Amino acid sequence: MASHERELLKGSTDCLVLSVINDHPTYGYELIKELETRSSGYFRFREGTLYPALHRMEKEGLVEGRWQSLPNGQERRYYYITPRGKEALEQKRLTWSDFSAAVRSVLSAEAP
């Protein structure tokens, strides 16, 4: 991924992650795979990118992590969106919609 693409992703990570978690509680690896699937392979998050973002969002009260026991005795940390996270996601979606519409308008305008 080129550096300019990484910068775009950095500004969009919270919105993307919250959007998936809003659909259903999920754990880290599942979240990485879901983002990759939904983006047709465009987004390939690494654990070193995802987990710091999840921990930051947890500190901000946007998500809540809960350990759950699996049938095999292992534990997995699932992330749930909080009411504050739902509000943040809605605001981020509106901001993204406005931003992307403005970019499309500029890109599609014909030069004089």
C-alpha atoms as a PDB file:
ATOM      1  CA  MET A   1       0.000   0.000   0.000  1.00  0.00           C
ATOM      2  CA  ALA A   2       1.408   3.395  -0.985  1.00  0.00           C
ATOM      3  CA  SER A   3       2.055   6.012   1.696  1.00  0.00           C
ATOM      4  CA  HIS A   4      -0.824   8.236   0.535  1.00  0.00           C
ATOM      5  CA  GLU A   5      -3.166   5.250   0.769  1.00  0.00           C
ATOM      6  CA  ARG A   6      -1.925   4.564   4.311  1.00  0.00           C
ATOM      7  CA  GLU A   7      -2.718   8.154   5.283  1.00  0.00           C
ATOM      8  CA  LEU A   8      -6.240   7.826   3.878  1.00  0.00           C
ATOM      9  CA  LEU A   9      -6.695   4.570   5.778  1.00  0.00           C
ATOM     10  CA  LYS A  10      -5.422   6.110   9.019  1.00  0.00           C
ATOM     11  CA  GLY A  11      -8.173   8.719   8.828  1.00  0.00           C
ATOM     12  CA  SER A  12     -10.816   6.092   8.079  1.00  0.00           C
ATOM     13  CA  THR A  13      -9.884   3.267  10.447  1.00  0.00           C
ATOM     14  CA  ASP A  14     -12.333   4.159  13.224  1.00  0.00           C
ATOM     15  CA  CYS A  15     -15.254   4.477  10.829  1.00  0.00           C
ATOM     16  CA  LEU A  16     -14.468   1.154   9.137  1.00  0.00           C
ATOM     17  CA  VAL A  17     -13.947  -0.741  12.394  1.00  0.00           C
ATOM     18  CA  LEU A  18     -17.020   0.735  14.090  1.00  0.00           C
ATOM     19  CA  SER A  19     -19.119  -0.097  11.040  1.00  0.00           C
ATOM     20  CA  VAL A  20     -18.242  -3.807  11.252  1.00  0.00           C
ATOM     21  CA  ILE A  21     -18.630  -3.983  15.029  1.00  0.00           C
ATOM     22  CA  ASN A  22     -21.982  -2.197  14.720  1.00  0.00           C
ATOM     23  CA  ASP A  23     -23.255  -5.143  12.655  1.00  0.00           C
ATOM     24  CA  HIS A  24     -22.207  -7.722  15.253  1.00  0.00           C
ATOM     25  CA  PRO A  25     -19.737  -8.115  18.109  1.00  0.00           C
ATOM     26  CA  THR A  26     -16.472  -9.416  16.754  1.00  0.00           C
ATOM     27  CA  TYR A  27     -12.936 -10.330  17.736  1.00  0.00           C
ATOM     28  CA  GLY A  28      -9.725  -9.019  16.201  1.00  0.00           C
ATOM     29  CA  TYR A  29      -8.898 -11.662  13.593  1.00  0.00           C
ATOM     30  CA  GLU A  30     -12.528 -11.881  12.502  1.00  0.00           C
ATOM     31  CA  LEU A  31     -12.577  -8.096  12.168  1.00  0.00           C
ATOM     32  CA  ILE A  32      -9.468  -8.138   9.963  1.00  0.00           C
ATOM     33  CA  LYS A  33     -11.014 -10.793   7.713  1.00  0.00           C
ATOM     34  CA  GLU A  34     -14.388  -9.016   7.552  1.00  0.00           C
ATOM     35  CA  LEU A  35     -12.773  -5.729   6.501  1.00  0.00           C
ATOM     36  CA  GLU A  36     -10.790  -7.554   3.833  1.00  0.00           C
ATOM     37  CA  THR A  37     -13.885  -9.369   2.552  1.00  0.00           C
ATOM     38  CA  ARG A  38     -16.144  -6.301   2.518  1.00  0.00           C
ATOM     39  CA  SER A  39     -13.513  -4.287   0.652  1.00  0.00           C
ATOM     40  CA  SER A  40     -12.828  -7.063  -1.887  1.00  0.00           C
ATOM     41  CA  GLY A  41      -9.297  -7.322  -0.566  1.00  0.00           C
ATOM     42  CA  TYR A  42      -8.472  -3.601  -0.623  1.00  0.00           C
ATOM     43  CA  PHE A  43      -8.165  -3.309   3.160  1.00  0.00           C
ATOM     44  CA  ARG A  44      -5.638  -5.659   4.682  1.00  0.00           C
ATOM     45  CA  PHE A  45      -5.244  -4.577   8.265  1.00  0.00           C
ATOM     46  CA  ARG A  46      -2.392  -5.892  10.327  1.00  0.00           C
ATOM     47  CA  GLU A  47      -2.683  -6.676  14.008  1.00  0.00           C
ATOM     48  CA  GLY A  48      -0.190  -3.884  14.702  1.00  0.00           C
ATOM     49  CA  THR A  49      -2.649  -1.413  13.194  1.00  0.00           C
ATOM     50  CA  LEU A  50      -5.921  -2.871  14.392  1.00  0.00           C
ATOM     51  CA  TYR A  51      -5.282  -3.583  18.066  1.00  0.00           C
ATOM     52  CA  PRO A  52      -3.917  -0.139  18.949  1.00  0.00           C
ATOM     53  CA  ALA A  53      -7.000   1.368  17.257  1.00  0.00           C
ATOM     54  CA  LEU A  54      -9.321  -0.963  19.202  1.00  0.00           C
ATOM     55  CA  HIS A  55      -7.586  -0.161  22.495  1.00  0.00           C
ATOM     56  CA  ARG A  56      -7.789   3.573  21.792  1.00  0.00           C
ATOM     57  CA  MET A  57     -11.489   3.311  20.882  1.00  0.00           C
ATOM     58  CA  GLU A  58     -12.066   1.313  24.062  1.00  0.00           C
ATOM     59  CA  LYS A  59     -10.420   4.073  26.143  1.00  0.00           C
ATOM     60  CA  GLU A  60     -12.602   6.633  24.347  1.00  0.00           C
ATOM     61  CA  GLY A  61     -15.725   4.632  25.233  1.00  0.00           C
ATOM     62  CA  LEU A  62     -16.602   3.821  21.609  1.00  0.00           C
ATOM     63  CA  VAL A  63     -16.249   0.057  21.996  1.00  0.00           C
ATOM     64  CA  GLU A  64     -16.244  -2.341  24.912  1.00  0.00           C
ATOM     65  CA  GLY A  65     -14.082  -5.463  24.952  1.00  0.00           C
ATOM     66  CA  ARG A  66     -15.319  -8.567  26.772  1.00  0.00           C
ATOM     67  CA  TRP A  67     -13.561 -11.877  27.195  1.00  0.00           C
ATOM     68  CA  GLN A  68     -15.654 -14.891  26.218  1.00  0.00           C
ATOM     69  CA  SER A  69     -14.867 -18.546  26.785  1.00  0.00           C
ATOM     70  CA  LEU A  70     -14.913 -20.823  23.766  1.00  0.00           C
ATOM     71  CA  PRO A  71     -16.082 -24.455  23.884  1.00  0.00           C
ATOM     72  CA  ASN A  72     -12.439 -25.606  23.741  1.00  0.00           C
ATOM     73  CA  GLY A  73     -11.634 -23.654  26.912  1.00  0.00           C
ATOM     74  CA  GLN A  74      -9.767 -20.822  25.203  1.00  0.00           C
ATOM     75  CA  GLU A  75     -10.834 -17.233  25.666  1.00  0.00           C
ATOM     76  CA  ARG A  76     -11.359 -14.642  22.969  1.00  0.00           C
ATOM     77  CA  ARG A  77     -11.907 -10.891  23.374  1.00  0.00           C
ATOM     78  CA  TYR A  78     -15.000  -9.696  21.540  1.00  0.00           C
ATOM     79  CA  TYR A  79     -15.627  -6.037  20.873  1.00  0.00           C
ATOM     80  CA  TYR A  80     -19.071  -4.476  21.179  1.00  0.00           C
ATOM     81  CA  ILE A  81     -20.072  -1.019  20.023  1.00  0.00           C
ATOM     82  CA  THR A  82     -21.308   1.294  22.788  1.00  0.00           C
ATOM     83  CA  PRO A  83     -24.044   3.933  22.508  1.00  0.00           C
ATOM     84  CA  ARG A  84     -21.270   6.531  22.299  1.00  0.00           C
ATOM     85  CA  GLY A  85     -19.667   4.474  19.519  1.00  0.00           C
ATOM     86  CA  LYS A  86     -22.959   4.385  17.608  1.00  0.00           C
ATOM     87  CA  GLU A  87     -23.170   8.183  17.812  1.00  0.00           C
ATOM     88  CA  ALA A  88     -19.565   8.535  16.668  1.00  0.00           C
ATOM     89  CA  LEU A  89     -20.166   6.129  13.780  1.00  0.00           C
ATOM     90  CA  GLU A  90     -23.195   8.086  12.598  1.00  0.00           C
ATOM     91  CA  GLN A  91     -21.209  11.330  12.710  1.00  0.00           C
ATOM     92  CA  LYS A  92     -18.291   9.736  10.862  1.00  0.00           C
ATOM     93  CA  ARG A  93     -20.655   8.375   8.196  1.00  0.00           C
ATOM     94  CA  LEU A  94     -22.171  11.821   7.662  1.00  0.00           C
ATOM     95  CA  THR A  95     -18.741  13.436   7.485  1.00  0.00           C
ATOM     96  CA  TRP A  96     -17.517  10.787   5.045  1.00  0.00           C
ATOM     97  CA  SER A  97     -20.620  11.158   2.880  1.00  0.00           C
ATOM     98  CA  ASP A  98     -20.163  14.931   2.662  1.00  0.00           C
ATOM     99  CA  PHE A  99     -16.429  14.604   2.027  1.00  0.00           C
ATOM    100  CA  SER A 100     -16.751  11.947  -0.667  1.00  0.00           C
ATOM    101  CA  ALA A 101     -19.530  13.891  -2.429  1.00  0.00           C
ATOM    102  CA  ALA A 102     -17.323  16.985  -2.484  1.00  0.00           C
ATOM    103  CA  VAL A 103     -14.356  14.989  -3.843  1.00  0.00           C
ATOM    104  CA  ARG A 104     -16.553  13.425  -6.541  1.00  0.00           C
ATOM    105  CA  SER A 105     -17.813  16.880  -7.521  1.00  0.00           C
ATOM    106  CA  VAL A 106     -14.293  18.218  -7.888  1.00  0.00           C
ATOM    107  CA  LEU A 107     -13.022  15.169  -9.754  1.00  0.00           C
ATOM    108  CA  SER A 108     -15.938  15.051 -12.167  1.00  0.00           C
ATOM    109  CA  ALA A 109     -15.960  18.779 -12.961  1.00  0.00           C
ATOM    110  CA  GLU A 110     -14.694  19.657 -16.403  1.00  0.00           C
ATOM    111  CA  ALA A 111     -11.861  22.134 -16.635  1.00  0.00           C
ATOM    112  CA  PRO A 112     -12.727  25.462 -18.269  1.00  0.00           C
END
